[in-house]
């Protein structure tokens, strides 16, 4: 994944749906628009996104991301920022939550400490690997991972691999969890 707007759109698109569904939607979007860059995304009417299968909330997030990039958010420059600063810059964009920011920083920027604690697969792997009585929520997963700094992102990738193996090789890609409270959205 590249640290560009198209990569971030892919991550937004993949929230709360299967990887197969995300690939289908993203493929239809690419077929309709060609290159997914600021110019094509900004110029495209909402109907193109909706016809591709993008939900209204995800479309709002894509529009907010385009606005943020037009107004100075430099996705490539996030690499040079401290982890917390880069994450905060992404979280300022309407519709971008912790999972989206952490997955982007982990995969697009290779940040070894970005930890998507809200990921269902990560949470399920933590539950099983540590024999927990219940799947930890985002905060509990982040607390468990605190001791793994500065390599929490590496641990997340190991947890995804463990999750994938335990599922018999079926899709173990990042899957965000649905926020339970308004506070979890922060």
N, C-alpha and C. Protein backbone atom coordinates (compact mmCIF):
# COMPACT_ATOMS: atom_id res chain seq x y z
N UNK A 1 0.85 -1.18 0.00
CA UNK A 1 0.00 0.00 0.00
C UNK A 1 0.89 1.23 0.00
N UNK A 2 0.50 2.19 -0.80
CA UNK A 2 1.28 3.42 -0.85
C UNK A 2 0.67 4.47 0.06
N UNK A 3 1.51 5.40 0.55
CA UNK A 3 1.00 6.42 1.48
C UNK A 3 0.32 7.56 0.74
N UNK A 4 -0.71 7.23 -0.01
CA UNK A 4 -1.39 8.26 -0.77
C UNK A 4 -2.89 8.22 -0.51
N UNK A 5 -3.57 9.11 -1.17
CA UNK A 5 -5.01 9.22 -0.98
C UNK A 5 -5.74 7.95 -1.41
N UNK A 6 -5.30 7.33 -2.49
CA UNK A 6 -5.94 6.09 -2.95
C UNK A 6 -5.84 5.00 -1.87
N UNK A 7 -4.69 4.91 -1.21
CA UNK A 7 -4.54 3.93 -0.14
C UNK A 7 -5.46 4.21 1.03
N UNK A 8 -5.60 5.47 1.35
CA UNK A 8 -6.50 5.85 2.45
C UNK A 8 -7.96 5.61 2.08
N UNK A 9 -8.30 5.85 0.82
CA UNK A 9 -9.67 5.57 0.36
C UNK A 9 -9.93 4.07 0.46
N UNK A 10 -8.94 3.24 0.11
CA UNK A 10 -9.10 1.79 0.24
C UNK A 10 -9.40 1.41 1.69
N UNK A 11 -8.66 1.99 2.63
CA UNK A 11 -8.87 1.67 4.04
C UNK A 11 -10.26 2.11 4.50
N UNK A 12 -10.68 3.31 4.11
CA UNK A 12 -12.02 3.78 4.46
C UNK A 12 -13.06 2.83 3.88
N UNK A 13 -12.88 2.45 2.63
CA UNK A 13 -13.82 1.56 1.96
C UNK A 13 -13.90 0.21 2.67
N UNK A 14 -12.81 -0.26 3.23
CA UNK A 14 -12.79 -1.60 3.81
C UNK A 14 -13.33 -1.67 5.24
N UNK A 15 -13.72 -0.54 5.79
CA UNK A 15 -14.25 -0.53 7.16
C UNK A 15 -15.56 -1.30 7.24
N UNK A 16 -15.67 -2.16 8.23
CA UNK A 16 -16.91 -2.84 8.59
C UNK A 16 -17.50 -3.73 7.52
N UNK A 17 -16.70 -4.11 6.51
CA UNK A 17 -17.17 -5.05 5.50
C UNK A 17 -16.08 -6.07 5.24
N UNK A 18 -16.44 -7.15 4.59
CA UNK A 18 -15.46 -8.18 4.27
C UNK A 18 -14.45 -7.65 3.26
N UNK A 19 -13.31 -8.30 3.22
CA UNK A 19 -12.29 -7.92 2.24
C UNK A 19 -12.82 -8.14 0.83
N UNK A 20 -13.58 -9.22 0.61
CA UNK A 20 -14.13 -9.49 -0.71
C UNK A 20 -15.07 -8.36 -1.15
N UNK A 21 -15.92 -7.90 -0.24
CA UNK A 21 -16.83 -6.81 -0.58
C UNK A 21 -16.06 -5.52 -0.83
N UNK A 22 -15.04 -5.26 -0.02
CA UNK A 22 -14.22 -4.05 -0.20
C UNK A 22 -13.52 -4.08 -1.55
N UNK A 23 -12.98 -5.24 -1.93
CA UNK A 23 -12.31 -5.36 -3.23
C UNK A 23 -13.29 -5.11 -4.37
N UNK A 24 -14.49 -5.63 -4.25
CA UNK A 24 -15.49 -5.44 -5.30
C UNK A 24 -15.86 -3.96 -5.44
N UNK A 25 -16.11 -3.31 -4.33
CA UNK A 25 -16.47 -1.89 -4.35
C UNK A 25 -15.31 -1.06 -4.90
N UNK A 26 -14.12 -1.33 -4.41
CA UNK A 26 -12.95 -0.58 -4.84
C UNK A 26 -12.69 -0.80 -6.34
N UNK A 27 -12.89 -2.02 -6.79
CA UNK A 27 -12.73 -2.32 -8.21
C UNK A 27 -13.71 -1.55 -9.08
N UNK A 28 -14.96 -1.49 -8.62
CA UNK A 28 -15.98 -0.72 -9.37
C UNK A 28 -15.64 0.76 -9.38
N UNK A 29 -15.13 1.25 -8.26
CA UNK A 29 -14.75 2.66 -8.18
C UNK A 29 -13.58 2.96 -9.12
N UNK A 30 -12.59 2.09 -9.14
CA UNK A 30 -11.46 2.27 -10.05
C UNK A 30 -11.90 2.16 -11.51
N UNK A 31 -12.83 1.25 -11.80
CA UNK A 31 -13.32 1.10 -13.17
C UNK A 31 -14.05 2.37 -13.62
N UNK A 32 -14.78 2.97 -12.70
CA UNK A 32 -15.54 4.17 -13.03
C UNK A 32 -14.66 5.41 -13.14
N UNK A 33 -13.66 5.51 -12.28
CA UNK A 33 -12.86 6.73 -12.21
C UNK A 33 -11.47 6.61 -12.81
N UNK A 34 -11.00 5.39 -12.99
CA UNK A 34 -9.62 5.23 -13.41
C UNK A 34 -8.72 5.42 -12.21
N UNK A 35 -7.79 6.31 -12.32
CA UNK A 35 -6.86 6.59 -11.22
C UNK A 35 -7.60 7.27 -10.07
N UNK A 36 -7.39 6.75 -8.86
CA UNK A 36 -8.01 7.35 -7.68
C UNK A 36 -7.03 8.35 -7.08
N UNK A 37 -7.15 9.58 -7.51
CA UNK A 37 -6.30 10.65 -6.98
C UNK A 37 -7.20 11.82 -6.61
N UNK A 38 -6.59 12.86 -6.10
CA UNK A 38 -7.36 14.00 -5.62
C UNK A 38 -8.26 14.58 -6.71
N UNK A 39 -7.73 14.73 -7.90
CA UNK A 39 -8.51 15.33 -8.98
C UNK A 39 -9.73 14.49 -9.35
N UNK A 40 -9.53 13.18 -9.53
CA UNK A 40 -10.67 12.35 -9.95
C UNK A 40 -11.67 12.17 -8.82
N UNK A 41 -11.18 12.00 -7.60
CA UNK A 41 -12.08 11.82 -6.47
C UNK A 41 -12.91 13.08 -6.21
N UNK A 42 -12.28 14.23 -6.32
CA UNK A 42 -12.97 15.49 -6.08
C UNK A 42 -14.00 15.78 -7.16
N UNK A 43 -13.65 15.49 -8.41
CA UNK A 43 -14.53 15.81 -9.54
C UNK A 43 -15.71 14.85 -9.67
N UNK A 44 -15.57 13.65 -9.15
CA UNK A 44 -16.61 12.63 -9.34
C UNK A 44 -17.88 12.99 -8.57
N UNK A 45 -19.02 12.87 -9.23
CA UNK A 45 -20.29 13.11 -8.53
C UNK A 45 -20.58 11.98 -7.54
N UNK A 46 -21.35 12.29 -6.54
CA UNK A 46 -21.69 11.30 -5.51
C UNK A 46 -22.26 10.02 -6.10
N UNK A 47 -23.02 10.15 -7.18
CA UNK A 47 -23.64 8.98 -7.80
C UNK A 47 -22.65 7.93 -8.24
N UNK A 48 -21.47 8.34 -8.64
CA UNK A 48 -20.44 7.38 -9.06
C UNK A 48 -20.01 6.53 -7.86
N UNK A 49 -19.81 7.15 -6.72
CA UNK A 49 -19.42 6.43 -5.51
C UNK A 49 -20.54 5.50 -5.05
N UNK A 50 -21.75 6.02 -5.09
CA UNK A 50 -22.90 5.23 -4.64
C UNK A 50 -23.12 4.03 -5.56
N UNK A 51 -22.97 4.25 -6.89
CA UNK A 51 -23.13 3.14 -7.84
C UNK A 51 -22.06 2.07 -7.63
N UNK A 52 -20.90 2.48 -7.18
CA UNK A 52 -19.83 1.52 -6.90
C UNK A 52 -20.10 0.74 -5.63
N UNK A 53 -20.98 1.26 -4.77
CA UNK A 53 -21.33 0.56 -3.54
C UNK A 53 -20.83 1.22 -2.27
N UNK A 54 -20.22 2.40 -2.39
CA UNK A 54 -19.72 3.10 -1.22
C UNK A 54 -20.90 3.66 -0.42
N UNK A 55 -20.92 3.43 0.87
CA UNK A 55 -22.01 3.93 1.71
C UNK A 55 -21.92 5.45 1.84
N UNK A 56 -23.02 6.05 2.24
CA UNK A 56 -23.04 7.51 2.43
C UNK A 56 -22.01 7.97 3.48
N UNK A 57 -21.91 7.30 4.64
CA UNK A 57 -20.90 7.73 5.61
C UNK A 57 -19.47 7.62 5.06
N UNK A 58 -19.19 6.56 4.32
CA UNK A 58 -17.85 6.42 3.75
C UNK A 58 -17.61 7.48 2.68
N UNK A 59 -18.63 7.80 1.91
CA UNK A 59 -18.50 8.86 0.92
C UNK A 59 -18.21 10.19 1.60
N UNK A 60 -18.90 10.46 2.71
CA UNK A 60 -18.62 11.70 3.45
C UNK A 60 -17.17 11.73 3.92
N UNK A 61 -16.66 10.58 4.36
CA UNK A 61 -15.26 10.52 4.81
C UNK A 61 -14.31 10.75 3.63
N UNK A 62 -14.59 10.15 2.49
CA UNK A 62 -13.74 10.37 1.31
C UNK A 62 -13.76 11.85 0.93
N UNK A 63 -14.92 12.47 0.95
CA UNK A 63 -15.01 13.90 0.63
C UNK A 63 -14.23 14.73 1.67
N UNK A 64 -14.34 14.36 2.93
CA UNK A 64 -13.60 15.08 3.99
C UNK A 64 -12.09 14.90 3.81
N UNK A 65 -11.67 13.72 3.40
CA UNK A 65 -10.24 13.48 3.15
C UNK A 65 -9.75 14.34 1.99
N UNK A 66 -10.55 14.41 0.93
CA UNK A 66 -10.17 15.24 -0.22
C UNK A 66 -10.07 16.71 0.20
N UNK A 67 -11.03 17.16 0.98
CA UNK A 67 -10.99 18.54 1.48
C UNK A 67 -9.74 18.77 2.32
N UNK A 68 -9.43 17.81 3.19
CA UNK A 68 -8.26 17.96 4.06
C UNK A 68 -6.97 18.03 3.23
N UNK A 69 -6.86 17.17 2.21
CA UNK A 69 -5.67 17.19 1.36
C UNK A 69 -5.59 18.50 0.59
N UNK A 70 -6.72 18.96 0.08
CA UNK A 70 -6.74 20.25 -0.63
C UNK A 70 -6.35 21.40 0.28
N UNK A 71 -6.63 21.25 1.57
CA UNK A 71 -6.34 22.30 2.54
C UNK A 71 -5.05 22.07 3.32
N UNK A 72 -4.17 21.22 2.79
CA UNK A 72 -2.85 21.12 3.37
C UNK A 72 -2.45 19.83 4.06
N UNK A 73 -3.35 18.87 4.20
CA UNK A 73 -2.94 17.60 4.80
C UNK A 73 -2.04 16.88 3.79
N UNK A 74 -0.78 16.71 4.14
CA UNK A 74 0.20 16.06 3.27
C UNK A 74 0.40 14.64 3.78
N UNK A 75 -0.22 13.68 3.10
CA UNK A 75 -0.17 12.30 3.56
C UNK A 75 1.24 11.74 3.54
N UNK A 76 2.05 12.13 2.58
CA UNK A 76 3.44 11.67 2.52
C UNK A 76 4.25 12.26 3.67
N UNK A 77 3.98 13.51 4.03
CA UNK A 77 4.73 14.18 5.10
C UNK A 77 4.44 13.58 6.47
N UNK A 78 3.37 12.82 6.60
CA UNK A 78 3.08 12.17 7.88
C UNK A 78 4.23 11.26 8.30
N UNK A 79 4.97 10.75 7.32
CA UNK A 79 6.12 9.88 7.63
C UNK A 79 7.15 10.58 8.50
N UNK A 80 7.29 11.87 8.33
CA UNK A 80 8.31 12.63 9.04
C UNK A 80 7.86 13.05 10.43
N UNK A 81 6.58 12.94 10.71
CA UNK A 81 6.04 13.37 12.00
C UNK A 81 6.21 12.28 13.05
N UNK A 82 6.18 12.71 14.29
CA UNK A 82 6.13 11.75 15.39
C UNK A 82 4.83 10.97 15.27
N UNK A 83 4.83 9.77 15.80
CA UNK A 83 3.66 8.88 15.71
C UNK A 83 2.37 9.56 16.17
N UNK A 84 2.39 10.13 17.35
CA UNK A 84 1.18 10.76 17.90
C UNK A 84 0.72 11.94 17.05
N UNK A 85 1.66 12.70 16.53
CA UNK A 85 1.33 13.86 15.70
C UNK A 85 0.71 13.42 14.37
N UNK A 86 1.27 12.39 13.75
CA UNK A 86 0.73 11.88 12.50
C UNK A 86 -0.67 11.31 12.71
N UNK A 87 -0.86 10.58 13.78
CA UNK A 87 -2.17 10.00 14.09
C UNK A 87 -3.19 11.12 14.34
N UNK A 88 -2.79 12.13 15.10
CA UNK A 88 -3.69 13.25 15.40
C UNK A 88 -4.08 13.99 14.13
N UNK A 89 -3.15 14.14 13.19
CA UNK A 89 -3.46 14.82 11.93
C UNK A 89 -4.54 14.06 11.16
N UNK A 90 -4.46 12.75 11.17
CA UNK A 90 -5.49 11.95 10.49
C UNK A 90 -6.82 11.99 11.24
N UNK A 91 -6.74 11.93 12.56
CA UNK A 91 -7.97 11.91 13.36
C UNK A 91 -8.75 13.23 13.28
N UNK A 92 -8.09 14.29 12.86
CA UNK A 92 -8.78 15.57 12.69
C UNK A 92 -9.72 15.58 11.48
N UNK A 93 -9.56 14.63 10.59
CA UNK A 93 -10.41 14.54 9.41
C UNK A 93 -11.72 13.87 9.81
N UNK A 94 -12.82 14.52 9.51
CA UNK A 94 -14.14 14.00 9.84
C UNK A 94 -14.33 12.61 9.23
N UNK A 95 -14.69 11.66 10.06
CA UNK A 95 -14.94 10.30 9.60
C UNK A 95 -13.75 9.37 9.76
N UNK A 96 -12.56 9.92 10.03
CA UNK A 96 -11.38 9.08 10.24
C UNK A 96 -11.25 8.83 11.74
N UNK A 97 -11.32 7.56 12.09
CA UNK A 97 -11.20 7.18 13.49
C UNK A 97 -9.88 6.49 13.76
N UNK A 98 -9.71 6.00 14.98
CA UNK A 98 -8.45 5.37 15.37
C UNK A 98 -8.05 4.19 14.49
N UNK A 99 -9.01 3.33 14.15
CA UNK A 99 -8.68 2.17 13.33
C UNK A 99 -8.12 2.60 11.98
N UNK A 100 -8.81 3.52 11.32
CA UNK A 100 -8.39 3.99 10.00
C UNK A 100 -7.00 4.62 10.08
N UNK A 101 -6.80 5.48 11.06
CA UNK A 101 -5.50 6.15 11.21
C UNK A 101 -4.40 5.14 11.47
N UNK A 102 -4.63 4.20 12.38
CA UNK A 102 -3.59 3.24 12.73
C UNK A 102 -3.28 2.29 11.58
N UNK A 103 -4.30 1.82 10.87
CA UNK A 103 -4.06 0.91 9.74
C UNK A 103 -3.30 1.64 8.64
N UNK A 104 -3.66 2.90 8.37
CA UNK A 104 -2.94 3.66 7.36
C UNK A 104 -1.47 3.85 7.76
N UNK A 105 -1.25 4.25 8.99
CA UNK A 105 0.13 4.48 9.44
C UNK A 105 0.94 3.18 9.45
N UNK A 106 0.30 2.08 9.80
CA UNK A 106 0.99 0.79 9.84
C UNK A 106 1.33 0.30 8.44
N UNK A 107 0.35 0.27 7.55
CA UNK A 107 0.57 -0.34 6.25
C UNK A 107 1.11 0.62 5.20
N UNK A 108 0.65 1.84 5.19
CA UNK A 108 1.11 2.78 4.16
C UNK A 108 2.44 3.42 4.53
N UNK A 109 2.68 3.58 5.81
CA UNK A 109 3.91 4.23 6.24
C UNK A 109 4.88 3.28 6.94
N UNK A 110 4.46 2.06 7.16
CA UNK A 110 5.35 1.09 7.79
C UNK A 110 5.72 1.44 9.22
N UNK A 111 4.82 2.12 9.92
CA UNK A 111 5.11 2.50 11.30
C UNK A 111 5.03 1.27 12.20
N UNK A 112 6.13 0.89 12.81
CA UNK A 112 6.14 -0.36 13.58
C UNK A 112 5.36 -0.29 14.90
N UNK A 113 4.95 0.89 15.33
CA UNK A 113 4.23 0.99 16.60
C UNK A 113 2.76 1.32 16.44
N UNK A 114 2.29 1.51 15.21
CA UNK A 114 0.85 1.79 15.00
C UNK A 114 0.08 0.52 15.35
N UNK A 115 -0.85 0.64 16.26
CA UNK A 115 -1.57 -0.53 16.75
C UNK A 115 -3.07 -0.31 16.65
N UNK A 116 -3.73 -0.99 15.70
CA UNK A 116 -5.18 -0.86 15.55
C UNK A 116 -5.93 -1.74 16.55
N UNK A 117 -6.01 -1.25 17.77
CA UNK A 117 -6.66 -2.01 18.84
C UNK A 117 -8.14 -2.22 18.63
N UNK A 118 -8.76 -1.46 17.74
CA UNK A 118 -10.18 -1.63 17.45
C UNK A 118 -10.46 -2.69 16.41
N UNK A 119 -9.45 -3.36 15.93
CA UNK A 119 -9.62 -4.38 14.91
C UNK A 119 -10.17 -5.66 15.52
N UNK A 120 -11.24 -6.18 14.94
CA UNK A 120 -11.89 -7.38 15.49
C UNK A 120 -10.94 -8.58 15.46
N UNK A 121 -10.21 -8.75 14.38
CA UNK A 121 -9.29 -9.89 14.29
C UNK A 121 -8.19 -9.80 15.35
N UNK A 122 -7.66 -8.60 15.55
CA UNK A 122 -6.65 -8.40 16.59
C UNK A 122 -7.25 -8.73 17.96
N UNK A 123 -8.44 -8.25 18.20
CA UNK A 123 -9.10 -8.49 19.48
C UNK A 123 -9.37 -9.98 19.69
N UNK A 124 -9.85 -10.65 18.64
CA UNK A 124 -10.14 -12.09 18.74
C UNK A 124 -8.86 -12.88 18.99
N UNK A 125 -7.79 -12.50 18.31
CA UNK A 125 -6.51 -13.19 18.52
C UNK A 125 -5.99 -12.96 19.94
N UNK A 126 -6.14 -11.74 20.44
CA UNK A 126 -5.73 -11.46 21.82
C UNK A 126 -6.51 -12.33 22.80
N UNK A 127 -7.81 -12.42 22.59
CA UNK A 127 -8.66 -13.23 23.47
C UNK A 127 -8.17 -14.67 23.51
N UNK A 128 -7.96 -15.23 22.32
CA UNK A 128 -7.56 -16.63 22.25
C UNK A 128 -6.13 -16.85 22.73
N UNK A 129 -5.21 -16.02 22.27
CA UNK A 129 -3.79 -16.21 22.61
C UNK A 129 -3.53 -16.05 24.10
N UNK A 130 -4.27 -15.16 24.74
CA UNK A 130 -4.05 -14.90 26.15
C UNK A 130 -5.09 -15.56 27.06
N UNK A 131 -5.98 -16.35 26.46
CA UNK A 131 -6.98 -17.05 27.26
C UNK A 131 -7.92 -16.12 28.00
N UNK A 132 -8.25 -15.01 27.40
CA UNK A 132 -9.13 -14.03 28.04
C UNK A 132 -10.57 -14.54 28.03
N UNK A 133 -11.36 -14.17 29.03
CA UNK A 133 -12.75 -14.63 29.08
C UNK A 133 -13.63 -14.00 28.00
N UNK A 134 -13.24 -12.83 27.48
CA UNK A 134 -14.02 -12.16 26.45
C UNK A 134 -13.08 -11.41 25.53
N UNK A 135 -13.57 -11.11 24.34
CA UNK A 135 -12.76 -10.34 23.39
C UNK A 135 -12.59 -8.94 23.96
N UNK A 136 -11.34 -8.46 24.06
CA UNK A 136 -11.12 -7.12 24.62
C UNK A 136 -11.64 -6.04 23.68
N UNK A 137 -12.13 -4.94 24.24
CA UNK A 137 -12.51 -3.81 23.40
C UNK A 137 -11.23 -3.06 23.01
N UNK A 138 -11.40 -1.96 22.27
CA UNK A 138 -10.24 -1.22 21.77
C UNK A 138 -9.31 -0.80 22.91
N UNK A 139 -9.89 -0.22 23.95
CA UNK A 139 -9.06 0.28 25.06
C UNK A 139 -8.31 -0.85 25.76
N UNK A 140 -9.00 -1.95 25.99
CA UNK A 140 -8.35 -3.09 26.65
C UNK A 140 -7.25 -3.68 25.76
N UNK A 141 -7.50 -3.76 24.44
CA UNK A 141 -6.49 -4.27 23.51
C UNK A 141 -5.27 -3.36 23.51
N UNK A 142 -5.51 -2.05 23.50
CA UNK A 142 -4.39 -1.10 23.53
C UNK A 142 -3.61 -1.21 24.84
N UNK A 143 -4.32 -1.43 25.94
CA UNK A 143 -3.64 -1.59 27.23
C UNK A 143 -2.78 -2.86 27.23
N UNK A 144 -3.30 -3.96 26.66
CA UNK A 144 -2.52 -5.19 26.58
C UNK A 144 -1.26 -4.98 25.74
N UNK A 145 -1.37 -4.17 24.70
CA UNK A 145 -0.26 -3.96 23.77
C UNK A 145 0.75 -2.93 24.26
N UNK A 146 0.44 -2.23 25.30
CA UNK A 146 1.30 -1.14 25.76
C UNK A 146 2.73 -1.61 26.03
N UNK A 147 2.88 -2.78 26.58
CA UNK A 147 4.21 -3.29 26.88
C UNK A 147 5.02 -3.69 25.65
N UNK A 148 4.40 -3.69 24.49
CA UNK A 148 5.09 -4.08 23.26
C UNK A 148 5.68 -2.88 22.51
N UNK A 149 5.52 -1.68 23.09
CA UNK A 149 6.11 -0.50 22.44
C UNK A 149 7.61 -0.69 22.32
N UNK A 150 8.22 -0.30 21.29
CA UNK A 150 7.75 0.46 20.13
C UNK A 150 7.41 -0.43 18.93
N UNK A 151 7.00 -1.67 19.19
CA UNK A 151 6.73 -2.61 18.10
C UNK A 151 5.31 -3.16 18.14
N UNK A 152 4.37 -2.35 18.57
CA UNK A 152 2.99 -2.82 18.66
C UNK A 152 2.42 -3.18 17.29
N UNK A 153 2.83 -2.46 16.25
CA UNK A 153 2.36 -2.77 14.89
C UNK A 153 2.85 -4.12 14.42
N UNK A 154 4.06 -4.46 14.80
CA UNK A 154 4.60 -5.78 14.48
C UNK A 154 3.76 -6.84 15.19
N UNK A 155 3.42 -6.57 16.44
CA UNK A 155 2.57 -7.50 17.21
C UNK A 155 1.20 -7.64 16.54
N UNK A 156 0.65 -6.53 16.06
CA UNK A 156 -0.65 -6.59 15.37
C UNK A 156 -0.56 -7.51 14.16
N UNK A 157 0.51 -7.42 13.41
CA UNK A 157 0.66 -8.27 12.24
C UNK A 157 0.79 -9.75 12.64
N UNK A 158 1.49 -10.00 13.73
CA UNK A 158 1.57 -11.38 14.23
C UNK A 158 0.20 -11.87 14.69
N UNK A 159 -0.56 -11.00 15.33
CA UNK A 159 -1.90 -11.37 15.78
C UNK A 159 -2.81 -11.65 14.59
N UNK A 160 -2.71 -10.85 13.51
CA UNK A 160 -3.49 -11.13 12.30
C UNK A 160 -3.10 -12.48 11.71
N UNK A 161 -1.80 -12.78 11.68
CA UNK A 161 -1.34 -14.06 11.15
C UNK A 161 -1.88 -15.22 12.01
N UNK A 162 -1.85 -15.04 13.32
CA UNK A 162 -2.38 -16.05 14.24
C UNK A 162 -3.88 -16.23 13.99
N UNK A 163 -4.60 -15.13 13.87
CA UNK A 163 -6.03 -15.16 13.61
C UNK A 163 -6.31 -15.90 12.31
N UNK A 164 -5.55 -15.59 11.28
CA UNK A 164 -5.71 -16.22 9.97
C UNK A 164 -5.48 -17.72 10.07
N UNK A 165 -4.42 -18.11 10.72
CA UNK A 165 -4.09 -19.52 10.87
C UNK A 165 -5.19 -20.26 11.63
N UNK A 166 -5.69 -19.66 12.69
CA UNK A 166 -6.74 -20.29 13.50
C UNK A 166 -8.05 -20.41 12.74
N UNK A 167 -8.25 -19.58 11.75
CA UNK A 167 -9.47 -19.62 10.94
C UNK A 167 -9.30 -20.55 9.73
N UNK A 168 -8.20 -21.26 9.68
CA UNK A 168 -7.98 -22.19 8.59
C UNK A 168 -7.55 -21.52 7.30
N UNK A 169 -6.93 -20.33 7.42
CA UNK A 169 -6.42 -19.65 6.24
C UNK A 169 -7.40 -18.71 5.58
N UNK A 170 -8.60 -18.63 6.09
CA UNK A 170 -9.57 -17.69 5.51
C UNK A 170 -9.14 -16.27 5.82
N UNK A 171 -9.76 -15.35 5.17
CA UNK A 171 -9.41 -13.93 5.22
C UNK A 171 -9.19 -13.45 6.65
N UNK A 172 -7.98 -12.97 6.91
CA UNK A 172 -7.64 -12.46 8.24
C UNK A 172 -7.19 -11.02 8.18
N UNK A 173 -7.58 -10.33 7.14
CA UNK A 173 -7.16 -8.94 6.98
C UNK A 173 -7.81 -8.05 8.04
N UNK A 174 -7.28 -6.85 8.22
CA UNK A 174 -7.83 -5.94 9.21
C UNK A 174 -9.33 -5.74 9.06
N UNK A 175 -10.03 -5.85 10.18
CA UNK A 175 -11.47 -5.67 10.22
C UNK A 175 -11.78 -4.76 11.40
N UNK A 176 -12.28 -3.56 11.15
CA UNK A 176 -12.57 -2.66 12.27
C UNK A 176 -13.77 -3.13 13.06
N UNK A 177 -13.79 -2.79 14.31
CA UNK A 177 -14.98 -3.09 15.09
C UNK A 177 -15.89 -1.87 15.06
N UNK A 178 -17.16 -2.12 15.21
CA UNK A 178 -18.15 -1.05 15.24
C UNK A 178 -18.08 -0.37 16.60
N UNK A 179 -17.84 0.95 16.63
CA UNK A 179 -17.76 1.64 17.92
C UNK A 179 -19.04 1.44 18.73
N UNK A 180 -18.87 1.23 20.01
CA UNK A 180 -20.00 1.01 20.87
C UNK A 180 -20.53 2.28 21.52
N UNK A 181 -19.66 3.25 21.67
CA UNK A 181 -20.07 4.51 22.29
C UNK A 181 -19.46 5.67 21.53
N UNK A 182 -20.03 6.85 21.75
CA UNK A 182 -19.49 8.05 21.10
C UNK A 182 -18.04 8.29 21.53
N UNK A 183 -17.72 7.92 22.76
CA UNK A 183 -16.37 8.12 23.26
C UNK A 183 -15.36 7.25 22.52
N UNK A 184 -15.78 6.05 22.11
CA UNK A 184 -14.89 5.17 21.37
C UNK A 184 -14.55 5.73 20.00
N UNK A 185 -15.39 6.59 19.48
CA UNK A 185 -15.12 7.20 18.17
C UNK A 185 -13.95 8.14 18.23
N UNK A 186 -13.60 8.62 19.39
CA UNK A 186 -12.48 9.58 19.52
C UNK A 186 -11.15 8.90 19.40
